Amino acid sequence: MGPADEGLSALLFSAGGRAQIECYRLLCTGDAASESAVACQVIHVASHRLDKHWEQKKNRHKLVKMDPETRYMSLSVLPGTSTKQLPTPWKFLAAACSDGSVRIFGLLEAAQKLVLVAESFHHQRCVLKVEEGRGERHLLCSAATDGSIAFWDITGPVMDTVDALHQPVSPALEAPLVTVMAHSCGVNSLHIHETPEGRYLVASGSDDGSIHVCLLEVALGRGEAGAGTSLQVLERVSRPCAHAAHVTGIRVLRPGLLLSASVDQRLTLWKQCPGELVPLSTTFFHVPDLAELDCWEEVEAGGELQYYCVLCGQGLEMLCGTAPPNLLHKRLPSEGAGV
């Protein structure tokens, strides 16, 4: 997504039942007739269905047919890639699937093609969430109904996309770098935040109302393929019964500061201390059946840092809050803050 002189242009991915993904290009411009109106043009770019993908395979009678009722539970768009192997810019998409797989798709918008690049059935149960981590490598997190979170390095499959297009069977993802049992049941929310030191904070929320945060460090392998890349868990902290219902939204605002939202309609600001998560403040929102939380920060005219939160479920609500400057550091004091 990015602004242009004539307005805003964005790619929109939509997925759900019947293992179907649709991709659209949105072109939004201001309406000259009204300052508050926006004109939006929707252009269909590409689509993908697993059953059609299976029908196009050679020797498919030797393969186990995919489940036509497979549902995509979550999507995550990876940053665009253009390298020597991929001279044409590709967009990559990770999908969490109900049949127990994590799938990587590649979009070549110019050719209007959306193709399956790689997949893995490592979890062997319904995968609920996927989230990408930005950095030197293409890192991916996936979370399943058993409370496990797997961390993948998918740089190789992304770089080898052109070769994968000509193979009769989609390549399998390599084994995850590490798998963490973060919860005792399904993971409903997941977020990755890269720290200034190049480490990753991974926050998750579960069906049982618990929250889990872990700090990861990536050791890059040598060579362009990155062979030998490893992941080390430096720190883990959890908070049982952080909410009274499913935690369906979580966001790391800064190192040591995170927000969680639940079906119990509470939005809570947490401070991460050594070995524990301390609640700083809680506010109630009015959207029932919360499905997702998103946040971003903006610096106001007076230099004050504002956090904007959007909560969606059976409706949509936006909240705005501030955090005192002394809470915007990694090691935070014990004073409270308002949201």
C-alpha atoms as a PDB file:
ATOM      1  CA  MET A   1       0.000   0.000   0.000  1.00  0.00           C
ATOM      2  CA  GLY A   2       1.305   3.430  -0.813  1.00  0.00           C
ATOM      3  CA  PRO A   3       0.058   6.907  -1.583  1.00  0.00           C
ATOM      4  CA  ALA A   4       0.293   8.278  -5.102  1.00  0.00           C
ATOM      5  CA  ASP A   5      -0.366  11.648  -6.671  1.00  0.00           C
ATOM      6  CA  GLU A   6      -3.786  10.544  -7.887  1.00  0.00           C
ATOM      7  CA  GLY A   7      -4.769   8.924  -4.591  1.00  0.00           C
ATOM      8  CA  LEU A   8      -4.142   5.666  -2.788  1.00  0.00           C
ATOM      9  CA  SER A   9      -3.377   2.312  -4.374  1.00  0.00           C
ATOM     10  CA  ALA A  10      -3.479  -0.915  -2.357  1.00  0.00           C
ATOM     11  CA  LEU A  11      -3.571  -4.675  -2.837  1.00  0.00           C
ATOM     12  CA  LEU A  12      -6.357  -6.457  -0.965  1.00  0.00           C
ATOM     13  CA  PHE A  13      -6.282 -10.198  -0.270  1.00  0.00           C
ATOM     14  CA  SER A  14      -9.429 -12.024   0.787  1.00  0.00           C
ATOM     15  CA  ALA A  15      -9.626 -15.681   1.815  1.00  0.00           C
ATOM     16  CA  GLY A  16     -11.875 -18.071   3.694  1.00  0.00           C
ATOM     17  CA  GLY A  17     -13.809 -21.256   2.962  1.00  0.00           C
ATOM     18  CA  ARG A  18     -13.337 -23.680   0.063  1.00  0.00           C
ATOM     19  CA  ALA A  19      -9.590 -22.964   0.090  1.00  0.00           C
ATOM     20  CA  GLN A  20     -10.073 -19.910  -2.087  1.00  0.00           C
ATOM     21  CA  ILE A  21      -8.019 -16.691  -2.202  1.00  0.00           C
ATOM     22  CA  GLU A  22      -8.972 -13.575  -4.147  1.00  0.00           C
ATOM     23  CA  CYS A  23      -6.726 -10.587  -4.831  1.00  0.00           C
ATOM     24  CA  TYR A  24      -7.916  -7.109  -5.774  1.00  0.00           C
ATOM     25  CA  ARG A  25      -6.281  -3.785  -6.544  1.00  0.00           C
ATOM     26  CA  LEU A  26      -8.001  -0.849  -4.830  1.00  0.00           C
ATOM     27  CA  LEU A  27      -7.645   2.634  -6.330  1.00  0.00           C
ATOM     28  CA  CYS A  28      -8.977   5.297  -3.974  1.00  0.00           C
ATOM     29  CA  THR A  29      -9.251   8.990  -4.787  1.00  0.00           C
ATOM     30  CA  GLY A  30     -10.927  11.961  -3.196  1.00  0.00           C
ATOM     31  CA  ASP A  31     -14.333  12.878  -4.565  1.00  0.00           C
ATOM     32  CA  ALA A  32     -14.299  16.375  -6.048  1.00  0.00           C
ATOM     33  CA  ALA A  33     -17.982  16.801  -5.225  1.00  0.00           C
ATOM     34  CA  SER A  34     -17.502  16.272  -1.484  1.00  0.00           C
ATOM     35  CA  GLU A  35     -14.549  16.730   0.868  1.00  0.00           C
ATOM     36  CA  SER A  36     -15.576  13.751   3.014  1.00  0.00           C
ATOM     37  CA  ALA A  37     -16.378  11.318   0.181  1.00  0.00           C
ATOM     38  CA  VAL A  38     -13.918   8.846  -1.341  1.00  0.00           C
ATOM     39  CA  ALA A  39     -14.226   7.210  -4.746  1.00  0.00           C
ATOM     40  CA  CYS A  40     -12.899   3.646  -4.857  1.00  0.00           C
ATOM     41  CA  GLN A  41     -12.283   1.487  -7.908  1.00  0.00           C
ATOM     42  CA  VAL A  42     -11.925  -2.269  -7.355  1.00  0.00           C
ATOM     43  CA  ILE A  43      -9.943  -4.271  -9.934  1.00  0.00           C
ATOM     44  CA  HIS A  44      -9.735  -8.058  -9.740  1.00  0.00           C
ATOM     45  CA  VAL A  45      -6.093  -9.158 -10.062  1.00  0.00           C
ATOM     46  CA  ALA A  46      -5.921 -12.904  -9.465  1.00  0.00           C
ATOM     47  CA  SER A  47      -7.469 -15.840  -7.630  1.00  0.00           C
ATOM     48  CA  HIS A  48      -6.428 -19.297  -6.440  1.00  0.00           C
ATOM     49  CA  ARG A  49      -8.299 -22.440  -5.411  1.00  0.00           C
ATOM     50  CA  LEU A  50      -6.579 -25.533  -4.070  1.00  0.00           C
ATOM     51  CA  ASP A  51      -8.936 -27.914  -5.878  1.00  0.00           C
ATOM     52  CA  LYS A  52      -8.096 -26.350  -9.250  1.00  0.00           C
ATOM     53  CA  HIS A  53      -4.408 -26.426  -8.315  1.00  0.00           C
ATOM     54  CA  TRP A  54      -4.706 -30.159  -7.595  1.00  0.00           C
ATOM     55  CA  GLU A  55      -6.542 -30.853 -10.875  1.00  0.00           C
ATOM     56  CA  GLN A  56      -3.697 -29.269 -12.842  1.00  0.00           C
ATOM     57  CA  LYS A  57      -1.042 -31.545 -11.301  1.00  0.00           C
ATOM     58  CA  LYS A  58       0.515 -34.336 -13.304  1.00  0.00           C
ATOM     59  CA  ASN A  59       0.164 -37.880 -11.933  1.00  0.00           C
ATOM     60  CA  ARG A  60      -2.357 -36.604  -9.425  1.00  0.00           C
ATOM     61  CA  HIS A  61      -3.829 -40.117  -9.113  1.00  0.00           C
ATOM     62  CA  LYS A  62      -0.717 -40.952  -7.063  1.00  0.00           C
ATOM     63  CA  LEU A  63      -1.348 -38.110  -4.613  1.00  0.00           C
ATOM     64  CA  VAL A  64      -3.791 -37.698  -1.762  1.00  0.00           C
ATOM     65  CA  LYS A  65      -6.464 -35.249  -2.834  1.00  0.00           C
ATOM     66  CA  MET A  66      -6.727 -32.065  -0.818  1.00  0.00           C
ATOM     67  CA  ASP A  67      -9.774 -31.518   1.378  1.00  0.00           C
ATOM     68  CA  PRO A  68     -12.219 -29.326  -0.612  1.00  0.00           C
ATOM     69  CA  GLU A  69     -13.577 -27.918   2.657  1.00  0.00           C
ATOM     70  CA  THR A  70     -10.198 -26.533   3.748  1.00  0.00           C
ATOM     71  CA  ARG A  71     -10.555 -23.060   5.247  1.00  0.00           C
ATOM     72  CA  TYR A  72      -7.959 -20.315   5.377  1.00  0.00           C
ATOM     73  CA  MET A  73      -7.893 -19.152   8.996  1.00  0.00           C
ATOM     74  CA  SER A  74      -5.386 -16.299   8.701  1.00  0.00           C
ATOM     75  CA  LEU A  75      -3.291 -14.451   6.108  1.00  0.00           C
ATOM     76  CA  SER A  76      -0.060 -12.479   6.370  1.00  0.00           C
ATOM     77  CA  VAL A  77       1.518 -10.515   3.519  1.00  0.00           C
ATOM     78  CA  LEU A  78       5.305 -10.585   3.267  1.00  0.00           C
ATOM     79  CA  PRO A  79       7.315  -7.585   2.044  1.00  0.00           C
ATOM     80  CA  GLY A  80       7.810  -7.377  -1.725  1.00  0.00           C
ATOM     81  CA  THR A  81      10.872  -9.108  -3.122  1.00  0.00           C
ATOM     82  CA  SER A  82      13.018  -8.262  -6.140  1.00  0.00           C
ATOM     83  CA  THR A  83      16.417  -9.999  -6.435  1.00  0.00           C
ATOM     84  CA  LYS A  84      18.667 -11.565  -9.062  1.00  0.00           C
ATOM     85  CA  GLN A  85      16.580 -14.733  -8.819  1.00  0.00           C
ATOM     86  CA  LEU A  86      13.358 -12.691  -8.960  1.00  0.00           C
ATOM     87  CA  PRO A  87      13.994  -9.743 -11.295  1.00  0.00           C
ATOM     88  CA  THR A  88      10.246  -9.058 -11.438  1.00  0.00           C
ATOM     89  CA  PRO A  89       8.739  -7.863  -8.128  1.00  0.00           C
ATOM     90  CA  TRP A  90       6.679 -10.531  -6.391  1.00  0.00           C
ATOM     91  CA  LYS A  91       4.341 -10.260  -3.439  1.00  0.00           C
ATOM     92  CA  PHE A  92       4.253 -13.224  -1.076  1.00  0.00           C
ATOM     93  CA  LEU A  93       1.418 -14.378   1.105  1.00  0.00           C
ATOM     94  CA  ALA A  94       1.428 -16.848   4.005  1.00  0.00           C
ATOM     95  CA  ALA A  95      -1.754 -18.692   4.919  1.00  0.00           C
ATOM     96  CA  ALA A  96      -2.789 -20.637   8.019  1.00  0.00           C
ATOM     97  CA  CYS A  97      -5.007 -23.530   6.956  1.00  0.00           C
ATOM     98  CA  SER A  98      -7.570 -25.679   8.732  1.00  0.00           C
ATOM     99  CA  ASP A  99      -6.115 -28.865   7.203  1.00  0.00           C
ATOM    100  CA  GLY A 100      -2.966 -28.415   9.313  1.00  0.00           C
ATOM    101  CA  SER A 101      -0.770 -26.788   6.698  1.00  0.00           C
ATOM    102  CA  VAL A 102       1.155 -23.556   6.379  1.00  0.00           C
ATOM    103  CA  ARG A 103       1.167 -22.439   2.747  1.00  0.00           C
ATOM    104  CA  ILE A 104       3.193 -19.780   0.943  1.00  0.00           C
ATOM    105  CA  PHE A 105       1.752 -18.145  -2.175  1.00  0.00           C
ATOM    106  CA  GLY A 106       3.386 -15.835  -4.693  1.00  0.00           C
ATOM    107  CA  LEU A 107       1.595 -13.075  -6.602  1.00  0.00           C
ATOM    108  CA  LEU A 108       2.928 -11.809  -9.905  1.00  0.00           C
ATOM    109  CA  GLU A 109       0.564  -8.916 -10.476  1.00  0.00           C
ATOM    110  CA  ALA A 110       1.745  -8.088 -13.998  1.00  0.00           C
ATOM    111  CA  ALA A 111       0.843 -11.601 -15.178  1.00  0.00           C
ATOM    112  CA  GLN A 112      -2.228 -11.831 -12.907  1.00  0.00           C
ATOM    113  CA  LYS A 113      -0.948 -15.070 -11.388  1.00  0.00           C
ATOM    114  CA  LEU A 114      -1.313 -16.287  -7.811  1.00  0.00           C
ATOM    115  CA  VAL A 115       0.607 -19.536  -7.336  1.00  0.00           C
ATOM    116  CA  LEU A 116       1.359 -21.953  -4.508  1.00  0.00           C
ATOM    117  CA  VAL A 117       5.084 -21.760  -3.745  1.00  0.00           C
ATOM    118  CA  ALA A 118       5.573 -24.113  -0.779  1.00  0.00           C
ATOM    119  CA  GLU A 119       3.692 -25.805   2.045  1.00  0.00           C
ATOM    120  CA  SER A 120       4.217 -27.785   5.241  1.00  0.00           C
ATOM    121  CA  PHE A 121       2.002 -29.979   7.433  1.00  0.00           C
ATOM    122  CA  HIS A 122       4.317 -29.665  10.436  1.00  0.00           C
ATOM    123  CA  HIS A 123       1.550 -28.747  12.906  1.00  0.00           C
ATOM    124  CA  GLN A 124      -0.684 -31.741  11.998  1.00  0.00           C
ATOM    125  CA  ARG A 125      -3.684 -29.842  13.320  1.00  0.00           C
ATOM    126  CA  CYS A 126      -5.642 -26.708  12.455  1.00  0.00           C
ATOM    127  CA  VAL A 127      -3.334 -23.693  12.083  1.00  0.00           C
ATOM    128  CA  LEU A 128      -5.042 -20.579  13.429  1.00  0.00           C
ATOM    129  CA  LYS A 129      -2.561 -17.744  12.889  1.00  0.00           C
ATOM    130  CA  VAL A 130       0.409 -16.744  10.747  1.00  0.00           C
ATOM    131  CA  GLU A 131       2.495 -13.590  11.123  1.00  0.00           C
ATOM    132  CA  GLU A 132       5.583 -12.421   9.263  1.00  0.00           C
ATOM    133  CA  GLY A 133       8.625 -10.798  10.817  1.00  0.00           C
ATOM    134  CA  ARG A 134      10.466  -8.109   8.893  1.00  0.00           C
ATOM    135  CA  GLY A 135      14.246  -8.254   8.789  1.00  0.00           C
ATOM    136  CA  GLU A 136      17.179  -9.550   6.757  1.00  0.00           C
ATOM    137  CA  ARG A 137      15.526 -12.957   6.487  1.00  0.00           C
ATOM    138  CA  HIS A 138      11.920 -13.819   5.691  1.00  0.00           C
ATOM    139  CA  LEU A 139      10.816 -15.129   9.088  1.00  0.00           C
ATOM    140  CA  LEU A 140       7.344 -16.505   9.688  1.00  0.00           C
ATOM    141  CA  CYS A 141       5.428 -17.519  12.811  1.00  0.00           C
ATOM    142  CA  SER A 142       2.547 -19.978  12.761  1.00  0.00           C
ATOM    143  CA  ALA A 143       0.316 -20.953  15.670  1.00  0.00           C
ATOM    144  CA  ALA A 144      -2.037 -23.919  16.019  1.00  0.00           C
ATOM    145  CA  THR A 145      -4.902 -25.209  18.137  1.00  0.00           C
ATOM    146  CA  ASP A 146      -2.570 -27.053  20.531  1.00  0.00           C
ATOM    147  CA  GLY A 147      -0.956 -23.790  21.699  1.00  0.00           C
ATOM    148  CA  SER A 148       2.302 -24.301  19.802  1.00  0.00           C
ATOM    149  CA  ILE A 149       4.056 -21.524  17.870  1.00  0.00           C
ATOM    150  CA  ALA A 150       6.501 -22.508  15.127  1.00  0.00           C
ATOM    151  CA  PHE A 151       9.156 -20.170  13.733  1.00  0.00           C
ATOM    152  CA  TRP A 152      10.182 -20.614  10.096  1.00  0.00           C
ATOM    153  CA  ASP A 153      12.859 -19.227   7.827  1.00  0.00           C
ATOM    154  CA  ILE A 154      11.116 -19.140   4.432  1.00  0.00           C
ATOM    155  CA  THR A 155      13.810 -17.153   2.614  1.00  0.00           C
ATOM    156  CA  GLY A 156      14.832 -20.167   0.514  1.00  0.00           C
ATOM    157  CA  PRO A 157      11.366 -20.978  -0.882  1.00  0.00           C
ATOM    158  CA  VAL A 158      10.756 -17.289  -1.576  1.00  0.00           C
ATOM    159  CA  MET A 159      13.996 -16.942  -3.535  1.00  0.00           C
ATOM    160  CA  ASP A 160      13.363 -20.188  -5.433  1.00  0.00           C
ATOM    161  CA  THR A 161       9.876 -19.204  -6.547  1.00  0.00           C
ATOM    162  CA  VAL A 162      10.681 -19.239 -10.265  1.00  0.00           C
ATOM    163  CA  ASP A 163      11.942 -22.840 -10.031  1.00  0.00           C
ATOM    164  CA  ALA A 164       8.905 -23.875  -8.004  1.00  0.00           C
ATOM    165  CA  LEU A 165       6.580 -22.746 -10.790  1.00  0.00           C
ATOM    166  CA  HIS A 166       7.872 -25.494 -13.077  1.00  0.00           C
ATOM    167  CA  GLN A 167       7.743 -28.331 -10.535  1.00  0.00           C
ATOM    168  CA  PRO A 168       4.776 -30.761 -10.616  1.00  0.00           C
ATOM    169  CA  VAL A 169       4.596 -30.871  -6.808  1.00  0.00           C
ATOM    170  CA  SER A 170       4.883 -27.822  -4.563  1.00  0.00           C
ATOM    171  CA  PRO A 171       8.134 -27.926  -2.543  1.00  0.00           C
ATOM    172  CA  ALA A 172       7.828 -28.617   1.164  1.00  0.00           C
ATOM    173  CA  LEU A 173       8.960 -25.994   3.639  1.00  0.00           C
ATOM    174  CA  GLU A 174      11.990 -26.963   5.677  1.00  0.00           C
ATOM    175  CA  ALA A 175      11.455 -27.872   9.322  1.00  0.00           C
ATOM    176  CA  PRO A 176      10.825 -24.901  11.637  1.00  0.00           C
ATOM    177  CA  LEU A 177      13.840 -23.322  13.304  1.00  0.00           C
ATOM    178  CA  VAL A 178      12.188 -23.778  16.689  1.00  0.00           C
ATOM    179  CA  THR A 179       8.759 -24.592  18.119  1.00  0.00           C
ATOM    180  CA  VAL A 180       7.542 -23.152  21.425  1.00  0.00           C
ATOM    181  CA  MET A 181       4.620 -24.490  23.471  1.00  0.00           C
ATOM    182  CA  ALA A 182       3.286 -21.103  24.466  1.00  0.00           C
ATOM    183  CA  HIS A 183      -0.257 -22.015  25.547  1.00  0.00           C
ATOM    184  CA  SER A 184      -2.364 -24.969  26.615  1.00  0.00           C
ATOM    185  CA  CYS A 185      -4.952 -24.445  23.865  1.00  0.00           C
ATOM    186  CA  GLY A 186      -5.555 -22.561  20.613  1.00  0.00           C
ATOM    187  CA  VAL A 187      -3.693 -19.338  19.795  1.00  0.00           C
ATOM    188  CA  ASN A 188      -6.135 -16.641  18.651  1.00  0.00           C
ATOM    189  CA  SER A 189      -3.797 -13.646  18.352  1.00  0.00           C
ATOM    190  CA  LEU A 190      -0.179 -13.252  17.300  1.00  0.00           C
ATOM    191  CA  HIS A 191       2.164 -10.316  16.704  1.00  0.00           C
ATOM    192  CA  ILE A 192       5.872  -9.889  15.933  1.00  0.00           C
ATOM    193  CA  HIS A 193       7.833  -6.735  16.749  1.00  0.00           C
ATOM    194  CA  GLU A 194      11.451  -6.218  15.717  1.00  0.00           C
ATOM    195  CA  THR A 195      13.556  -4.448  18.359  1.00  0.00           C
ATOM    196  CA  PRO A 196      16.249  -1.855  17.566  1.00  0.00           C
ATOM    197  CA  GLU A 197      18.850  -4.554  18.350  1.00  0.00           C
ATOM    198  CA  GLY A 198      17.478  -6.772  15.576  1.00  0.00           C
ATOM    199  CA  ARG A 199      15.772  -9.221  17.915  1.00  0.00           C
ATOM    200  CA  TYR A 200      12.109 -10.207  17.775  1.00  0.00           C
ATOM    201  CA  LEU A 201       9.412  -9.903  20.411  1.00  0.00           C
ATOM    202  CA  VAL A 202       6.597 -12.359  19.731  1.00  0.00           C
ATOM    203  CA  ALA A 203       3.358 -11.852  21.651  1.00  0.00           C
ATOM    204  CA  SER A 204       0.408 -14.245  21.583  1.00  0.00           C
ATOM    205  CA  GLY A 205      -3.007 -14.635  23.176  1.00  0.00           C
ATOM    206  CA  SER A 206      -4.989 -17.823  23.700  1.00  0.00           C
ATOM    207  CA  ASP A 207      -8.452 -19.334  24.084  1.00  0.00           C
ATOM    208  CA  ASP A 208      -7.927 -19.623  27.849  1.00  0.00           C
ATOM    209  CA  GLY A 209      -7.359 -15.867  28.289  1.00  0.00           C
ATOM    210  CA  SER A 210      -3.597 -16.141  28.763  1.00  0.00           C
ATOM    211  CA  ILE A 211      -0.851 -14.003  27.190  1.00  0.00           C
ATOM    212  CA  HIS A 212       2.646 -15.145  26.274  1.00  0.00           C
ATOM    213  CA  VAL A 213       5.670 -13.070  25.191  1.00  0.00           C
ATOM    214  CA  CYS A 214       9.037 -14.403  24.078  1.00  0.00           C
ATOM    215  CA  LEU A 215      12.229 -12.681  22.931  1.00  0.00           C
ATOM    216  CA  LEU A 216      14.072 -14.289  20.018  1.00  0.00           C
ATOM    217  CA  GLU A 217      17.489 -13.773  18.498  1.00  0.00           C
ATOM    218  CA  VAL A 218      18.349 -14.850  14.951  1.00  0.00           C
ATOM    219  CA  ALA A 219      21.823 -16.120  14.092  1.00  0.00           C
ATOM    220  CA  LEU A 220      22.180 -15.763  10.328  1.00  0.00           C
ATOM    221  CA  GLY A 221      23.818 -18.508   8.317  1.00  0.00           C
ATOM    222  CA  ARG A 222      26.481 -17.909   5.716  1.00  0.00           C
ATOM    223  CA  GLY A 223      25.831 -17.461   2.018  1.00  0.00           C
ATOM    224  CA  GLU A 224      22.870 -16.122   0.117  1.00  0.00           C
ATOM    225  CA  ALA A 225      20.780 -19.173   0.919  1.00  0.00           C
ATOM    226  CA  GLY A 226      21.379 -18.572   4.613  1.00  0.00           C
ATOM    227  CA  ALA A 227      22.126 -22.222   5.397  1.00  0.00           C
ATOM    228  CA  GLY A 228      22.595 -22.751   9.102  1.00  0.00           C
ATOM    229  CA  THR A 229      20.305 -19.927  10.209  1.00  0.00           C
ATOM    230  CA  SER A 230      19.246 -20.583  13.804  1.00  0.00           C
ATOM    231  CA  LEU A 231      16.866 -19.059  16.307  1.00  0.00           C
ATOM    232  CA  GLN A 232      17.432 -18.788  20.048  1.00  0.00           C
ATOM    233  CA  VAL A 233      14.769 -18.087  22.668  1.00  0.00           C
ATOM    234  CA  LEU A 234      16.323 -15.571  25.077  1.00  0.00           C
ATOM    235  CA  GLU A 235      13.397 -14.851  27.370  1.00  0.00           C
ATOM    236  CA  ARG A 236       9.843 -16.045  27.972  1.00  0.00           C
ATOM    237  CA  VAL A 237       7.098 -14.597  30.127  1.00  0.00           C
ATOM    238  CA  SER A 238       3.420 -15.475  30.412  1.00  0.00           C
ATOM    239  CA  ARG A 239       0.347 -14.168  32.191  1.00  0.00           C
ATOM    240  CA  PRO A 240      -2.394 -16.747  32.911  1.00  0.00           C
ATOM    241  CA  CYS A 241      -5.967 -15.432  33.094  1.00  0.00           C
ATOM    242  CA  ALA A 242      -4.983 -12.062  31.647  1.00  0.00           C
ATOM    243  CA  HIS A 243      -8.545 -11.822  30.333  1.00  0.00           C
ATOM    244  CA  ALA A 244     -11.853 -13.487  31.148  1.00  0.00           C
ATOM    245  CA  ALA A 245     -12.344 -14.774  27.579  1.00  0.00           C
ATOM    246  CA  HIS A 246     -10.478 -15.491  24.337  1.00  0.00           C
ATOM    247  CA  VAL A 247      -7.630 -13.056  23.636  1.00  0.00           C
ATOM    248  CA  THR A 248      -8.279 -12.239  19.971  1.00  0.00           C
ATOM    249  CA  GLY A 249      -6.069  -9.165  19.594  1.00  0.00           C
ATOM    250  CA  ILE A 250      -2.525  -8.389  20.746  1.00  0.00           C
ATOM    251  CA  ARG A 251       0.074  -5.819  19.699  1.00  0.00           C
ATOM    252  CA  VAL A 252       3.588  -5.013  20.903  1.00  0.00           C
ATOM    253  CA  LEU A 253       3.763  -1.206  20.919  1.00  0.00           C
ATOM    254  CA  ARG A 254       7.377  -0.890  22.037  1.00  0.00           C
ATOM    255  CA  PRO A 255       9.832  -3.234  23.755  1.00  0.00           C
ATOM    256  CA  GLY A 256       8.333  -3.678  27.212  1.00  0.00           C
ATOM    257  CA  LEU A 257       4.906  -2.278  26.302  1.00  0.00           C
ATOM    258  CA  LEU A 258       2.003  -4.184  24.755  1.00  0.00           C
ATOM    259  CA  LEU A 259      -1.762  -4.093  24.310  1.00  0.00           C
ATOM    260  CA  SER A 260      -4.190  -6.981  24.466  1.00  0.00           C
ATOM    261  CA  ALA A 261      -7.885  -7.139  23.638  1.00  0.00           C
ATOM    262  CA  SER A 262     -10.396  -9.867  24.334  1.00  0.00           C
ATOM    263  CA  VAL A 263     -13.937 -11.020  23.715  1.00  0.00           C
ATOM    264  CA  ASP A 264     -14.552  -9.789  27.282  1.00  0.00           C
ATOM    265  CA  GLN A 265     -14.459  -6.285  25.679  1.00  0.00           C
ATOM    266  CA  ARG A 266     -11.450  -5.111  27.669  1.00  0.00           C
ATOM    267  CA  LEU A 267      -8.394  -3.432  26.171  1.00  0.00           C
ATOM    268  CA  THR A 268      -5.436  -3.703  28.561  1.00  0.00           C
ATOM    269  CA  LEU A 269      -2.039  -2.027  28.496  1.00  0.00           C
ATOM    270  CA  TRP A 270       0.768  -4.217  29.873  1.00  0.00           C
ATOM    271  CA  LYS A 271       4.307  -3.537  30.976  1.00  0.00           C
ATOM    272  CA  GLN A 272       6.811  -6.349  30.538  1.00  0.00           C
ATOM    273  CA  CYS A 273       9.059  -6.720  33.568  1.00  0.00           C
ATOM    274  CA  PRO A 274      11.642  -9.460  34.180  1.00  0.00           C
ATOM    275  CA  GLY A 275       9.609 -12.630  34.628  1.00  0.00           C
ATOM    276  CA  GLU A 276       6.147 -11.053  34.613  1.00  0.00           C
ATOM    277  CA  LEU A 277       3.597  -8.909  32.790  1.00  0.00           C
ATOM    278  CA  VAL A 278       2.164  -6.074  34.879  1.00  0.00           C
ATOM    279  CA  PRO A 279      -1.192  -4.477  33.928  1.00  0.00           C
ATOM    280  CA  LEU A 280      -0.992  -0.691  33.730  1.00  0.00           C
ATOM    281  CA  SER A 281      -4.542   0.211  32.764  1.00  0.00           C
ATOM    282  CA  THR A 282      -7.722  -1.203  31.257  1.00  0.00           C
ATOM    283  CA  THR A 283     -10.475   0.379  29.228  1.00  0.00           C
ATOM    284  CA  PHE A 284     -13.718  -1.106  27.939  1.00  0.00           C
ATOM    285  CA  PHE A 285     -14.730  -1.004  24.291  1.00  0.00           C
ATOM    286  CA  HIS A 286     -18.159  -1.520  22.758  1.00  0.00           C
ATOM    287  CA  VAL A 287     -17.484  -3.944  19.886  1.00  0.00           C
ATOM    288  CA  PRO A 288     -18.812  -7.450  20.644  1.00  0.00           C
ATOM    289  CA  ASP A 289     -17.171 -10.640  19.352  1.00  0.00           C
ATOM    290  CA  LEU A 290     -13.787  -9.000  18.844  1.00  0.00           C
ATOM    291  CA  ALA A 291     -11.920 -10.531  15.905  1.00  0.00           C
ATOM    292  CA  GLU A 292      -8.821  -8.357  15.468  1.00  0.00           C
ATOM    293  CA  LEU A 293      -6.818  -5.457  16.892  1.00  0.00           C
ATOM    294  CA  ASP A 294      -4.490  -3.155  14.993  1.00  0.00           C
ATOM    295  CA  CYS A 295      -2.382  -0.260  16.280  1.00  0.00           C
ATOM    296  CA  TRP A 296      -0.128   2.466  14.972  1.00  0.00           C
ATOM    297  CA  GLU A 297       1.626   5.457  16.446  1.00  0.00           C
ATOM    298  CA  GLU A 298       1.728   9.097  15.401  1.00  0.00           C
ATOM    299  CA  VAL A 299       3.638  12.074  16.746  1.00  0.00           C
ATOM    300  CA  GLU A 300       1.313  15.007  17.359  1.00  0.00           C
ATOM    301  CA  ALA A 301       2.158  18.651  16.693  1.00  0.00           C
ATOM    302  CA  GLY A 302       3.351  19.148  20.276  1.00  0.00           C
ATOM    303  CA  GLY A 303       5.727  16.194  20.032  1.00  0.00           C
ATOM    304  CA  GLU A 304       3.489  13.892  22.083  1.00  0.00           C
ATOM    305  CA  LEU A 305       3.360  10.271  20.951  1.00  0.00           C
ATOM    306  CA  GLN A 306      -0.171   9.012  20.335  1.00  0.00           C
ATOM    307  CA  TYR A 307      -1.253   5.404  19.880  1.00  0.00           C
ATOM    308  CA  TYR A 308      -4.299   4.691  17.734  1.00  0.00           C
ATOM    309  CA  CYS A 309      -6.105   1.369  18.103  1.00  0.00           C
ATOM    310  CA  VAL A 310      -8.747  -0.097  15.813  1.00  0.00           C
ATOM    311  CA  LEU A 311     -10.905  -2.937  17.111  1.00  0.00           C
ATOM    312  CA  CYS A 312     -13.152  -4.908  14.786  1.00  0.00           C
ATOM    313  CA  GLY A 313     -15.733  -7.615  15.333  1.00  0.00           C
ATOM    314  CA  GLN A 314     -19.463  -7.038  15.206  1.00  0.00           C
ATOM    315  CA  GLY A 315     -18.683  -3.427  14.384  1.00  0.00           C
ATOM    316  CA  LEU A 316     -15.661  -1.152  14.355  1.00  0.00           C
ATOM    317  CA  GLU A 317     -14.221   1.145  17.020  1.00  0.00           C
ATOM    318  CA  MET A 318     -11.165   3.405  17.173  1.00  0.00           C
ATOM    319  CA  LEU A 319      -9.460   4.459  20.396  1.00  0.00           C
ATOM    320  CA  CYS A 320      -6.616   6.877  20.983  1.00  0.00           C
ATOM    321  CA  GLY A 321      -4.225   6.862  23.929  1.00  0.00           C
ATOM    322  CA  THR A 322      -0.864   8.077  25.178  1.00  0.00           C
ATOM    323  CA  ALA A 323       1.948   6.576  27.210  1.00  0.00           C
ATOM    324  CA  PRO A 324       4.280   8.746  29.330  1.00  0.00           C
ATOM    325  CA  PRO A 325       7.803   9.086  27.887  1.00  0.00           C
ATOM    326  CA  ASN A 326       9.293   7.145  30.799  1.00  0.00           C
ATOM    327  CA  LEU A 327       7.328   4.071  29.632  1.00  0.00           C
ATOM    328  CA  LEU A 328       8.766   4.108  26.116  1.00  0.00           C
ATOM    329  CA  HIS A 329      12.006   2.404  27.106  1.00  0.00           C
ATOM    330  CA  LYS A 330      12.760  -1.278  27.295  1.00  0.00           C
ATOM    331  CA  ARG A 331      13.199  -1.401  31.069  1.00  0.00           C
ATOM    332  CA  LEU A 332      10.156   0.365  32.400  1.00  0.00           C
ATOM    333  CA  PRO A 333       9.534   1.743  35.904  1.00  0.00           C
ATOM    334  CA  SER A 334       6.512   0.653  37.905  1.00  0.00           C
ATOM    335  CA  GLU A 335       4.451   3.849  37.572  1.00  0.00           C
ATOM    336  CA  GLY A 336       1.077   3.464  35.834  1.00  0.00           C
ATOM    337  CA  ALA A 337      -0.064   4.924  32.555  1.00  0.00           C
ATOM    338  CA  GLY A 338      -3.348   5.921  31.021  1.00  0.00           C
ATOM    339  CA  VAL A 339      -4.864   4.648  27.816  1.00  0.00           C
END
